[in-house]
N, C-alpha and C. Protein backbone atom coordinates (compact mmCIF):
# COMPACT_ATOMS: atom_id res chain seq x y z
N MET A 1 -23.61 -155.38 -14.95
CA MET A 1 -23.24 -156.22 -13.43
C MET A 1 -24.39 -156.46 -12.52
N SER A 2 -24.99 -157.25 -12.23
CA SER A 2 -25.85 -157.54 -11.42
C SER A 2 -25.54 -157.47 -9.88
N GLU A 3 -26.71 -156.84 -8.98
CA GLU A 3 -26.37 -156.88 -8.02
C GLU A 3 -27.37 -157.77 -7.23
N ILE A 4 -27.32 -158.55 -6.12
CA ILE A 4 -28.02 -159.05 -5.13
C ILE A 4 -28.47 -158.33 -3.94
N ILE A 5 -29.75 -158.39 -3.56
CA ILE A 5 -30.31 -157.61 -2.50
C ILE A 5 -30.78 -159.15 -1.53
N LEU A 6 -30.46 -159.08 -0.31
CA LEU A 6 -31.09 -159.84 0.21
C LEU A 6 -31.97 -158.95 1.52
N GLY A 7 -33.23 -159.30 1.54
CA GLY A 7 -34.03 -158.38 2.43
C GLY A 7 -34.76 -159.32 3.60
N PHE A 8 -34.54 -159.02 4.90
CA PHE A 8 -35.26 -159.41 5.99
C PHE A 8 -36.33 -158.40 6.81
N ASP A 9 -37.30 -159.66 7.39
CA ASP A 9 -38.28 -158.95 8.25
C ASP A 9 -37.94 -159.96 9.49
N VAL A 10 -37.65 -159.24 10.31
CA VAL A 10 -37.06 -159.95 11.49
C VAL A 10 -37.93 -159.80 12.89
N SER A 11 -38.09 -161.02 13.39
CA SER A 11 -38.70 -160.95 14.79
C SER A 11 -38.40 -162.22 15.26
N SER A 12 -39.06 -162.23 16.79
CA SER A 12 -38.15 -163.24 17.18
C SER A 12 -39.03 -164.80 17.17
N THR A 13 -39.89 -164.74 16.60
CA THR A 13 -41.14 -165.90 15.88
C THR A 13 -40.84 -166.34 14.91
N CYS A 14 -40.54 -165.47 13.76
CA CYS A 14 -40.65 -165.73 12.56
C CYS A 14 -39.81 -164.68 11.95
N ILE A 15 -38.58 -165.15 10.89
CA ILE A 15 -37.78 -164.25 10.37
C ILE A 15 -38.18 -164.18 8.69
N GLY A 16 -38.62 -163.66 7.94
CA GLY A 16 -38.88 -163.69 6.36
C GLY A 16 -37.97 -162.92 6.05
N TYR A 17 -37.26 -163.45 4.64
CA TYR A 17 -36.15 -163.03 4.09
C TYR A 17 -36.49 -163.29 2.37
N SER A 18 -35.73 -162.60 1.72
CA SER A 18 -35.95 -162.45 -0.02
C SER A 18 -35.15 -162.05 -0.60
N VAL A 19 -34.78 -162.76 -1.87
CA VAL A 19 -33.88 -162.42 -2.70
C VAL A 19 -34.44 -161.68 -3.61
N PHE A 20 -33.71 -160.53 -4.04
CA PHE A 20 -33.86 -159.60 -5.55
C PHE A 20 -32.57 -159.53 -6.08
N GLU A 21 -32.76 -159.20 -7.43
CA GLU A 21 -31.51 -158.81 -8.34
C GLU A 21 -31.85 -157.56 -8.58
N ILE A 22 -30.80 -156.75 -8.94
CA ILE A 22 -30.90 -155.62 -9.88
C ILE A 22 -30.20 -155.78 -11.10
N ASP A 23 -30.74 -155.72 -12.41
CA ASP A 23 -29.72 -155.83 -13.54
C ASP A 23 -30.04 -154.77 -14.47
N ASN A 24 -29.35 -154.01 -14.91
CA ASN A 24 -29.45 -153.04 -15.92
C ASN A 24 -30.61 -152.31 -15.43
N LYS A 25 -30.85 -151.80 -13.98
CA LYS A 25 -32.04 -151.10 -13.38
C LYS A 25 -33.19 -151.68 -13.61
N ASN A 26 -33.09 -152.92 -13.78
CA ASN A 26 -34.60 -153.71 -13.66
C ASN A 26 -34.25 -154.67 -12.54
N ILE A 27 -35.54 -154.62 -11.51
CA ILE A 27 -35.69 -155.23 -10.27
C ILE A 27 -36.47 -156.66 -10.58
N LYS A 28 -35.87 -157.96 -9.92
CA LYS A 28 -36.44 -158.99 -10.58
C LYS A 28 -36.36 -159.74 -9.18
N PHE A 29 -37.78 -160.37 -8.72
CA PHE A 29 -37.67 -160.84 -7.29
C PHE A 29 -37.35 -162.41 -7.92
N ILE A 30 -36.05 -162.82 -6.59
CA ILE A 30 -35.84 -164.44 -6.92
C ILE A 30 -36.15 -165.48 -6.47
N SER A 31 -36.47 -165.23 -4.72
CA SER A 31 -36.91 -166.28 -4.14
C SER A 31 -37.30 -165.25 -2.62
N CYS A 32 -38.28 -166.14 -1.96
CA CYS A 32 -38.33 -165.77 -0.53
C CYS A 32 -38.86 -167.04 0.43
N ASN A 33 -38.73 -166.78 1.67
CA ASN A 33 -38.60 -168.13 2.51
C ASN A 33 -38.65 -167.73 4.13
N TYR A 34 -38.85 -168.37 4.94
CA TYR A 34 -38.85 -167.85 6.48
C TYR A 34 -38.05 -168.71 7.21
N ILE A 35 -37.86 -168.50 8.27
CA ILE A 35 -37.19 -169.59 9.27
C ILE A 35 -37.88 -169.11 10.80
N LYS A 36 -38.28 -170.15 11.51
CA LYS A 36 -38.64 -170.12 12.71
C LYS A 36 -37.69 -169.91 13.74
N PRO A 37 -37.35 -168.98 14.37
CA PRO A 37 -36.26 -169.22 15.57
C PRO A 37 -36.79 -170.09 16.62
N THR A 38 -35.77 -171.03 16.76
CA THR A 38 -36.11 -171.71 17.99
C THR A 38 -36.82 -171.22 19.63
N LYS A 39 -37.43 -171.92 19.74
CA LYS A 39 -38.33 -171.31 21.76
C LYS A 39 -37.80 -171.83 22.41
N ASP A 40 -36.53 -173.24 22.37
CA ASP A 40 -36.07 -173.77 23.15
C ASP A 40 -34.82 -173.19 23.82
N GLY A 41 -34.31 -173.23 24.99
CA GLY A 41 -33.44 -172.34 25.54
C GLY A 41 -33.52 -171.20 26.06
N ASN A 42 -32.57 -170.80 26.63
CA ASN A 42 -32.68 -169.35 27.11
C ASN A 42 -32.87 -168.09 25.76
N ILE A 43 -32.63 -166.90 26.03
CA ILE A 43 -32.37 -166.05 25.02
C ILE A 43 -31.07 -165.83 24.15
N ILE A 44 -30.37 -166.43 25.11
CA ILE A 44 -28.74 -166.06 24.59
C ILE A 44 -29.02 -167.64 23.48
N GLU A 45 -29.31 -168.55 24.24
CA GLU A 45 -29.32 -169.60 23.25
C GLU A 45 -30.22 -169.66 22.23
N ARG A 46 -31.05 -169.05 21.96
CA ARG A 46 -32.35 -169.01 21.06
C ARG A 46 -31.38 -168.03 20.15
N ILE A 47 -30.83 -166.63 20.45
CA ILE A 47 -29.90 -166.03 19.46
C ILE A 47 -29.11 -166.76 18.74
N SER A 48 -28.04 -167.48 19.71
CA SER A 48 -26.96 -167.88 19.35
C SER A 48 -27.33 -168.97 17.85
N LYS A 49 -28.50 -169.80 17.99
CA LYS A 49 -29.09 -170.69 17.35
C LYS A 49 -29.49 -169.80 15.57
N THR A 50 -30.21 -169.26 16.07
CA THR A 50 -30.85 -168.18 15.13
C THR A 50 -29.90 -167.33 14.07
N ARG A 51 -28.50 -166.78 14.71
CA ARG A 51 -27.62 -166.56 14.08
C ARG A 51 -27.27 -167.33 13.42
N ASP A 52 -26.94 -168.18 13.83
CA ASP A 52 -26.04 -170.06 12.93
C ASP A 52 -26.97 -169.95 11.62
N GLU A 53 -28.23 -169.73 11.62
CA GLU A 53 -29.26 -170.08 10.70
C GLU A 53 -29.04 -168.86 9.80
N ILE A 54 -29.18 -167.60 10.13
CA ILE A 54 -29.00 -166.28 9.29
C ILE A 54 -27.78 -166.32 8.63
N ASN A 55 -26.67 -166.56 9.08
CA ASN A 55 -25.58 -166.67 8.56
C ASN A 55 -25.51 -167.63 7.28
N LYS A 56 -25.94 -169.06 7.58
CA LYS A 56 -25.87 -169.77 6.30
C LYS A 56 -26.48 -169.34 5.14
N ILE A 57 -27.83 -168.17 5.71
CA ILE A 57 -28.78 -167.95 4.43
C ILE A 57 -27.67 -167.01 3.62
N ILE A 58 -26.83 -166.06 4.44
CA ILE A 58 -25.81 -165.23 4.01
C ILE A 58 -25.00 -165.61 3.21
N GLN A 59 -24.20 -166.74 3.79
CA GLN A 59 -23.33 -167.58 3.04
C GLN A 59 -23.62 -168.01 1.42
N LYS A 60 -25.08 -168.27 1.81
CA LYS A 60 -25.68 -169.18 0.27
C LYS A 60 -25.94 -168.03 -0.82
N VAL A 61 -26.62 -167.07 -0.07
CA VAL A 61 -26.83 -166.08 -1.01
C VAL A 61 -25.89 -165.27 -1.76
N LYS A 62 -24.87 -164.99 -0.62
CA LYS A 62 -23.82 -163.98 -1.01
C LYS A 62 -24.37 -162.30 -1.50
N PRO A 63 -24.93 -161.93 -0.99
CA PRO A 63 -25.53 -160.41 -1.52
C PRO A 63 -24.67 -159.29 -1.46
N ASN A 64 -24.95 -158.31 -2.26
CA ASN A 64 -24.15 -157.24 -2.45
C ASN A 64 -24.71 -156.25 -1.49
N HIS A 65 -26.10 -156.54 -1.20
CA HIS A 65 -26.53 -155.45 -0.17
C HIS A 65 -27.40 -156.28 0.70
N ILE A 66 -27.46 -155.67 2.15
CA ILE A 66 -28.72 -156.27 2.93
C ILE A 66 -29.74 -155.55 3.51
N ALA A 67 -30.77 -155.75 3.41
CA ALA A 67 -31.86 -154.51 3.49
C ALA A 67 -32.40 -155.57 4.84
N ILE A 68 -32.78 -154.49 6.08
CA ILE A 68 -33.45 -154.78 7.14
C ILE A 68 -34.70 -153.88 7.43
N GLU A 69 -35.92 -154.45 7.54
CA GLU A 69 -37.06 -153.60 8.41
C GLU A 69 -36.56 -153.18 9.61
N ASP A 70 -36.48 -151.98 10.05
CA ASP A 70 -35.98 -151.33 11.12
C ASP A 70 -37.04 -151.75 12.03
N ILE A 71 -36.95 -151.68 13.70
CA ILE A 71 -37.59 -151.85 14.57
C ILE A 71 -38.38 -150.76 14.97
N ILE A 72 -39.64 -150.91 15.38
CA ILE A 72 -40.58 -149.99 16.09
C ILE A 72 -40.23 -149.92 17.74
N SER A 73 -40.23 -148.88 18.04
CA SER A 73 -39.94 -148.57 19.50
C SER A 73 -41.33 -148.54 20.37
N PHE A 74 -42.28 -148.56 20.02
CA PHE A 74 -43.44 -148.28 20.44
C PHE A 74 -44.66 -148.54 19.32
N MET A 75 -45.69 -149.06 19.74
CA MET A 75 -46.98 -149.69 19.06
C MET A 75 -48.11 -149.20 20.24
N ALA A 76 -48.71 -148.11 20.07
CA ALA A 76 -49.89 -148.06 21.01
C ALA A 76 -50.69 -149.46 21.10
N GLY A 77 -51.11 -149.76 22.34
CA GLY A 77 -51.94 -151.25 22.48
C GLY A 77 -51.25 -152.30 21.49
N GLY A 78 -50.08 -152.28 21.30
CA GLY A 78 -49.48 -153.71 21.03
C GLY A 78 -48.57 -154.11 21.65
N SER A 79 -47.36 -154.32 21.29
CA SER A 79 -46.28 -155.16 21.94
C SER A 79 -45.75 -154.63 23.30
N THR A 80 -45.41 -155.45 24.43
CA THR A 80 -45.16 -155.05 25.41
C THR A 80 -43.55 -154.66 25.27
N ALA A 81 -43.03 -154.16 26.46
CA ALA A 81 -41.58 -153.71 26.69
C ALA A 81 -40.70 -154.95 26.45
N LYS A 82 -40.88 -156.17 26.97
CA LYS A 82 -40.30 -157.30 26.90
C LYS A 82 -40.44 -158.03 25.55
N THR A 83 -41.51 -157.80 24.90
CA THR A 83 -41.64 -158.33 23.50
C THR A 83 -40.74 -157.27 22.66
N ILE A 84 -40.76 -156.03 22.57
CA ILE A 84 -39.78 -154.78 22.11
C ILE A 84 -38.38 -155.29 22.61
N ILE A 85 -37.97 -155.53 23.59
CA ILE A 85 -36.90 -155.61 23.74
C ILE A 85 -36.19 -157.18 23.09
N THR A 86 -36.68 -158.34 23.26
CA THR A 86 -36.32 -159.47 22.29
C THR A 86 -36.53 -159.32 20.89
N LEU A 87 -37.54 -158.61 20.38
CA LEU A 87 -37.41 -157.93 18.98
C LEU A 87 -36.28 -157.44 18.48
N THR A 88 -35.89 -156.33 19.44
CA THR A 88 -34.48 -155.70 18.87
C THR A 88 -33.47 -156.42 19.19
N THR A 89 -33.28 -157.48 20.01
CA THR A 89 -32.30 -158.26 19.91
C THR A 89 -31.82 -158.77 18.87
N PHE A 90 -33.35 -159.79 18.41
CA PHE A 90 -33.21 -160.42 17.19
C PHE A 90 -32.55 -159.59 15.93
N ASN A 91 -32.76 -158.35 15.55
CA ASN A 91 -33.26 -157.55 14.82
C ASN A 91 -31.61 -157.06 14.78
N ARG A 92 -31.05 -156.70 15.65
CA ARG A 92 -29.83 -155.98 15.64
C ARG A 92 -28.89 -157.30 15.40
N MET A 93 -29.35 -158.35 16.02
CA MET A 93 -28.03 -159.61 15.83
C MET A 93 -28.02 -159.80 14.25
N VAL A 94 -29.02 -159.52 13.60
CA VAL A 94 -29.22 -159.75 11.89
C VAL A 94 -28.39 -158.60 11.51
N CYS A 95 -28.29 -157.24 11.91
CA CYS A 95 -27.74 -156.24 11.57
C CYS A 95 -26.17 -156.52 11.88
N LEU A 96 -25.79 -157.16 12.76
CA LEU A 96 -24.15 -157.24 12.84
C LEU A 96 -23.82 -158.30 12.18
N LEU A 97 -24.55 -159.52 11.77
CA LEU A 97 -24.15 -160.27 10.74
C LEU A 97 -24.20 -159.86 9.39
N ALA A 98 -25.08 -159.00 9.04
CA ALA A 98 -24.66 -158.26 7.81
C ALA A 98 -23.70 -157.21 7.65
N MET A 99 -23.48 -156.58 8.75
CA MET A 99 -22.29 -155.63 8.87
C MET A 99 -21.02 -156.64 8.80
N ASP A 100 -20.91 -157.65 9.33
CA ASP A 100 -19.83 -158.56 9.53
C ASP A 100 -19.45 -159.08 8.00
N TYR A 101 -20.69 -159.70 7.12
CA TYR A 101 -20.35 -160.03 6.01
C TYR A 101 -20.26 -158.75 5.02
N LEU A 102 -20.84 -157.73 4.72
CA LEU A 102 -20.68 -156.75 3.96
C LEU A 102 -19.41 -155.70 4.35
N LYS A 103 -19.39 -155.70 5.37
CA LYS A 103 -17.93 -154.84 5.96
C LYS A 103 -18.33 -153.28 5.91
N LYS A 104 -19.76 -153.42 5.61
CA LYS A 104 -20.67 -151.95 5.99
C LYS A 104 -21.92 -152.22 6.68
N PRO A 105 -22.72 -151.11 7.00
CA PRO A 105 -24.03 -151.28 7.64
C PRO A 105 -25.04 -152.08 6.86
N PRO A 106 -25.86 -152.67 6.85
CA PRO A 106 -26.97 -152.85 6.33
C PRO A 106 -27.77 -151.32 5.88
N TYR A 107 -28.79 -151.63 5.07
CA TYR A 107 -29.69 -150.66 4.80
C TYR A 107 -31.01 -151.11 5.89
N LEU A 108 -31.41 -149.93 6.64
CA LEU A 108 -32.52 -150.15 7.73
C LEU A 108 -33.44 -149.34 6.79
N TYR A 109 -34.68 -149.97 7.02
CA TYR A 109 -36.04 -149.18 6.71
C TYR A 109 -37.16 -149.32 7.56
N SER A 110 -37.64 -148.02 7.79
CA SER A 110 -38.96 -148.09 8.54
C SER A 110 -40.12 -148.87 7.94
N VAL A 111 -41.15 -149.32 8.51
CA VAL A 111 -42.51 -149.62 7.83
C VAL A 111 -42.90 -148.53 7.09
N MET A 112 -42.88 -147.33 7.97
CA MET A 112 -43.71 -146.24 6.87
C MET A 112 -42.49 -145.92 5.53
N THR A 113 -41.44 -146.03 5.99
CA THR A 113 -40.66 -145.69 4.48
C THR A 113 -41.19 -146.74 3.36
N ILE A 114 -41.18 -148.18 4.11
CA ILE A 114 -41.26 -149.37 3.03
C ILE A 114 -42.51 -149.07 2.29
N ARG A 115 -43.88 -148.60 3.29
CA ARG A 115 -45.14 -148.41 2.56
C ARG A 115 -45.19 -147.39 1.74
N SER A 116 -44.44 -146.09 1.90
CA SER A 116 -44.38 -145.17 1.03
C SER A 116 -43.91 -145.57 -0.22
N ASN A 117 -42.51 -146.35 -0.30
CA ASN A 117 -42.38 -146.67 -1.20
C ASN A 117 -43.30 -147.13 -2.31
N LEU A 118 -43.68 -148.25 -1.75
CA LEU A 118 -44.79 -148.99 -2.47
C LEU A 118 -45.91 -148.22 -3.01
N LYS A 119 -46.55 -147.47 -2.10
CA LYS A 119 -47.45 -146.63 -2.59
C LYS A 119 -47.32 -145.55 -3.59
N LYS A 120 -45.88 -145.19 -3.79
CA LYS A 120 -45.24 -144.09 -4.53
C LYS A 120 -45.18 -145.22 -6.03
N ASN A 121 -44.44 -146.07 -5.95
CA ASN A 121 -44.46 -146.91 -7.12
C ASN A 121 -45.60 -147.46 -7.92
N LEU A 122 -47.14 -147.70 -7.08
CA LEU A 122 -47.70 -148.17 -7.77
C LEU A 122 -48.88 -147.04 -8.03
N ASN A 123 -48.51 -145.65 -7.49
CA ASN A 123 -49.23 -144.56 -7.42
C ASN A 123 -50.61 -144.62 -6.76
N LEU A 124 -50.83 -145.53 -5.78
CA LEU A 124 -51.65 -145.79 -4.51
C LEU A 124 -52.27 -144.17 -3.64
N LYS A 125 -53.16 -144.10 -4.04
CA LYS A 125 -53.87 -143.09 -2.54
C LYS A 125 -53.37 -143.24 -1.52
N ASN A 126 -53.33 -144.59 -0.68
CA ASN A 126 -52.98 -144.54 0.45
C ASN A 126 -51.88 -145.87 0.42
N GLN A 127 -51.14 -145.72 1.75
CA GLN A 127 -50.10 -146.57 1.97
C GLN A 127 -50.95 -148.06 2.00
N PRO A 128 -50.26 -149.09 1.57
CA PRO A 128 -51.00 -150.53 1.85
C PRO A 128 -50.57 -150.87 3.53
N LYS A 129 -51.69 -151.20 3.91
CA LYS A 129 -51.87 -152.06 4.95
C LYS A 129 -50.87 -153.58 5.13
N LYS A 130 -50.76 -153.99 6.23
CA LYS A 130 -49.92 -155.29 6.23
C LYS A 130 -50.58 -156.39 5.52
N GLU A 131 -51.83 -156.41 5.69
CA GLU A 131 -52.52 -157.63 4.62
C GLU A 131 -52.82 -157.57 3.31
N ASP A 132 -52.31 -156.26 2.60
CA ASP A 132 -52.28 -156.03 1.17
C ASP A 132 -50.82 -156.23 0.68
N ILE A 133 -49.88 -156.21 1.53
CA ILE A 133 -48.63 -156.43 0.71
C ILE A 133 -48.43 -157.31 -0.36
N PRO A 134 -48.91 -158.62 -0.03
CA PRO A 134 -48.79 -159.35 -1.05
C PRO A 134 -49.01 -159.18 -2.28
N GLU A 135 -50.13 -158.54 -2.37
CA GLU A 135 -51.22 -158.41 -3.58
C GLU A 135 -50.55 -157.05 -4.48
N THR A 136 -50.39 -156.13 -3.61
CA THR A 136 -49.33 -155.10 -3.73
C THR A 136 -47.79 -155.30 -4.60
N LEU A 137 -47.23 -156.30 -3.87
CA LEU A 137 -46.07 -156.91 -4.61
C LEU A 137 -46.37 -157.33 -5.76
N GLU A 138 -47.49 -158.25 -5.95
CA GLU A 138 -47.73 -158.76 -7.34
C GLU A 138 -47.70 -157.75 -8.39
N LYS A 139 -48.71 -156.84 -7.97
CA LYS A 139 -48.73 -155.95 -9.02
C LYS A 139 -47.41 -155.24 -9.28
N ILE A 140 -46.59 -154.86 -8.35
CA ILE A 140 -45.50 -154.05 -9.04
C ILE A 140 -44.48 -154.99 -9.98
N LEU A 141 -44.44 -156.10 -9.20
CA LEU A 141 -43.36 -156.86 -9.60
C LEU A 141 -43.93 -157.76 -10.77
N ASN A 142 -45.25 -158.07 -11.16
CA ASN A 142 -45.86 -158.74 -11.93
C ASN A 142 -45.40 -160.32 -11.93
N ILE A 143 -45.59 -160.60 -10.72
CA ILE A 143 -45.34 -161.87 -10.01
C ILE A 143 -46.79 -162.53 -9.40
N THR A 144 -46.61 -163.81 -9.30
CA THR A 144 -47.75 -164.61 -8.33
C THR A 144 -47.34 -164.74 -7.14
N PHE A 145 -47.48 -164.21 -6.27
CA PHE A 145 -46.96 -164.23 -4.73
C PHE A 145 -46.98 -165.69 -4.52
N PRO A 146 -45.88 -166.28 -3.94
CA PRO A 146 -45.87 -167.56 -3.55
C PRO A 146 -46.85 -168.00 -2.12
N TRP A 147 -47.88 -167.95 -2.13
CA TRP A 147 -48.38 -168.24 -0.95
C TRP A 147 -48.04 -169.60 -0.57
N GLU A 148 -48.11 -169.87 0.98
CA GLU A 148 -47.98 -171.24 1.45
C GLU A 148 -49.45 -171.61 2.43
N LEU A 149 -49.63 -172.71 2.41
CA LEU A 149 -50.96 -172.59 2.81
C LEU A 149 -50.67 -174.29 4.08
N ASN A 150 -51.35 -174.12 4.91
CA ASN A 150 -51.35 -174.94 6.07
C ASN A 150 -52.22 -176.44 5.88
N LYS A 151 -51.72 -177.22 6.70
CA LYS A 151 -52.73 -178.60 6.64
C LYS A 151 -53.76 -178.39 5.90
N LYS A 152 -54.74 -177.47 6.57
CA LYS A 152 -56.04 -177.26 6.55
C LYS A 152 -56.28 -176.26 5.17
N GLY A 153 -55.49 -176.21 4.34
CA GLY A 153 -55.67 -175.25 3.16
C GLY A 153 -55.86 -173.59 3.66
N ALA A 154 -55.49 -173.37 4.52
CA ALA A 154 -55.58 -171.95 4.87
C ALA A 154 -54.23 -171.32 4.85
N GLU A 155 -54.25 -169.87 4.69
CA GLU A 155 -52.83 -168.86 4.37
C GLU A 155 -52.34 -168.91 5.66
N LYS A 156 -50.90 -169.50 5.74
CA LYS A 156 -50.01 -169.59 6.74
C LYS A 156 -49.61 -168.06 6.98
N LYS A 157 -49.75 -167.62 8.62
CA LYS A 157 -49.32 -166.34 8.46
C LYS A 157 -48.02 -166.01 8.35
N GLU A 158 -47.10 -166.74 8.06
CA GLU A 158 -45.57 -166.26 7.63
C GLU A 158 -45.54 -165.69 6.37
N ASN A 159 -46.89 -166.22 5.63
CA ASN A 159 -46.60 -165.36 4.18
C ASN A 159 -46.59 -163.85 4.23
N TYR A 160 -47.15 -163.20 5.59
CA TYR A 160 -46.69 -161.96 5.85
C TYR A 160 -45.66 -161.52 5.97
N ASP A 161 -44.88 -162.44 6.55
CA ASP A 161 -43.26 -162.06 7.25
C ASP A 161 -42.42 -162.14 5.96
N MET A 162 -42.81 -163.30 4.89
CA MET A 162 -41.90 -163.53 3.49
C MET A 162 -42.46 -161.78 2.73
N ALA A 163 -43.75 -161.46 2.71
CA ALA A 163 -44.02 -160.55 1.51
C ALA A 163 -43.56 -158.94 2.47
N ASP A 164 -43.36 -159.17 3.61
CA ASP A 164 -42.86 -157.92 4.32
C ASP A 164 -41.27 -158.06 4.28
N SER A 165 -40.26 -158.85 3.81
CA SER A 165 -39.05 -159.24 3.52
C SER A 165 -38.89 -158.59 2.28
N MET A 166 -40.03 -158.68 1.42
CA MET A 166 -39.92 -158.47 -0.29
C MET A 166 -39.98 -157.38 -0.39
N ALA A 167 -41.08 -156.77 0.62
CA ALA A 167 -41.04 -155.17 0.44
C ALA A 167 -39.96 -154.38 0.97
N VAL A 168 -39.41 -155.02 1.82
CA VAL A 168 -37.80 -154.39 2.32
C VAL A 168 -36.88 -154.35 1.17
N ALA A 169 -36.98 -155.62 0.60
CA ALA A 169 -35.63 -155.94 -0.94
C ALA A 169 -36.33 -154.82 -1.37
N TYR A 170 -37.44 -154.77 -1.70
CA TYR A 170 -37.74 -154.03 -3.21
C TYR A 170 -37.57 -152.40 -2.83
N CYS A 171 -37.82 -151.87 -1.31
CA CYS A 171 -37.26 -150.42 -0.98
C CYS A 171 -35.97 -150.21 -1.65
N CYS A 172 -34.97 -151.48 -0.99
CA CYS A 172 -33.65 -151.09 -1.09
C CYS A 172 -33.56 -151.29 -2.67
N ALA A 173 -33.96 -152.08 -3.48
CA ALA A 173 -33.76 -152.10 -5.14
C ALA A 173 -33.91 -150.51 -5.70
N THR A 174 -35.13 -150.19 -5.13
CA THR A 174 -35.40 -148.90 -5.76
C THR A 174 -34.51 -147.82 -5.28
N ASN A 175 -34.32 -147.80 -4.29
CA ASN A 175 -33.18 -146.60 -3.60
C ASN A 175 -31.71 -146.79 -4.44
N ILE A 176 -31.81 -147.83 -4.45
CA ILE A 176 -29.97 -148.20 -4.90
C ILE A 176 -30.38 -147.65 -6.59
N ILE A 177 -31.28 -148.10 -7.47
CA ILE A 177 -31.45 -147.55 -8.93
C ILE A 177 -31.67 -146.20 -8.77
N LYS A 178 -32.29 -145.36 -7.80
CA LYS A 178 -32.47 -144.09 -7.97
C LYS A 178 -31.23 -143.21 -7.22
N ASN A 179 -30.78 -143.53 -6.44
CA ASN A 179 -29.68 -143.15 -5.63
C ASN A 179 -28.33 -143.52 -6.10
N GLY A 180 -27.86 -144.54 -6.85
CA GLY A 180 -26.67 -144.92 -6.88
C GLY A 180 -26.26 -145.99 -5.67
N LYS A 181 -24.99 -146.45 -5.81
CA LYS A 181 -24.50 -147.44 -4.63
C LYS A 181 -24.48 -146.49 -3.14
């Protein structure tokens, strides 16, 4: 019997998501996409609209497992406290939707855990950087990454959110195979 995994890379500006299947310990990439949370309204209205969109995705996919890239509480020279608070709010909203659907907490993986998983599965010397994730996944999954281009023919930045969601789902799939359910 196959298992469906729905992976999320959550932020307040773009939420990447992907679907993987485990069948007889084989991991298969099914699809990936992203949504752009609205910037209209106050934070509660934005979260509410995004919640409804994420809920539609969960109901359509009907996953057995949901995996989410966990929040980072601090990035030196990076995000402000306001940005981290907003990111956390969106991330935990997706976690609660997952909990409501699955009746158990989703799998949460740190960025370091996800990248270590990719490094281990390709026997790489170093963990892949964010910009290397699409190509790393192509090698591991033996697929062509579904790059999206903008009107000028350049790669959209949302590709990396989709790739991160794929890396989350792949990490979950390898852990399920390794450790059982």
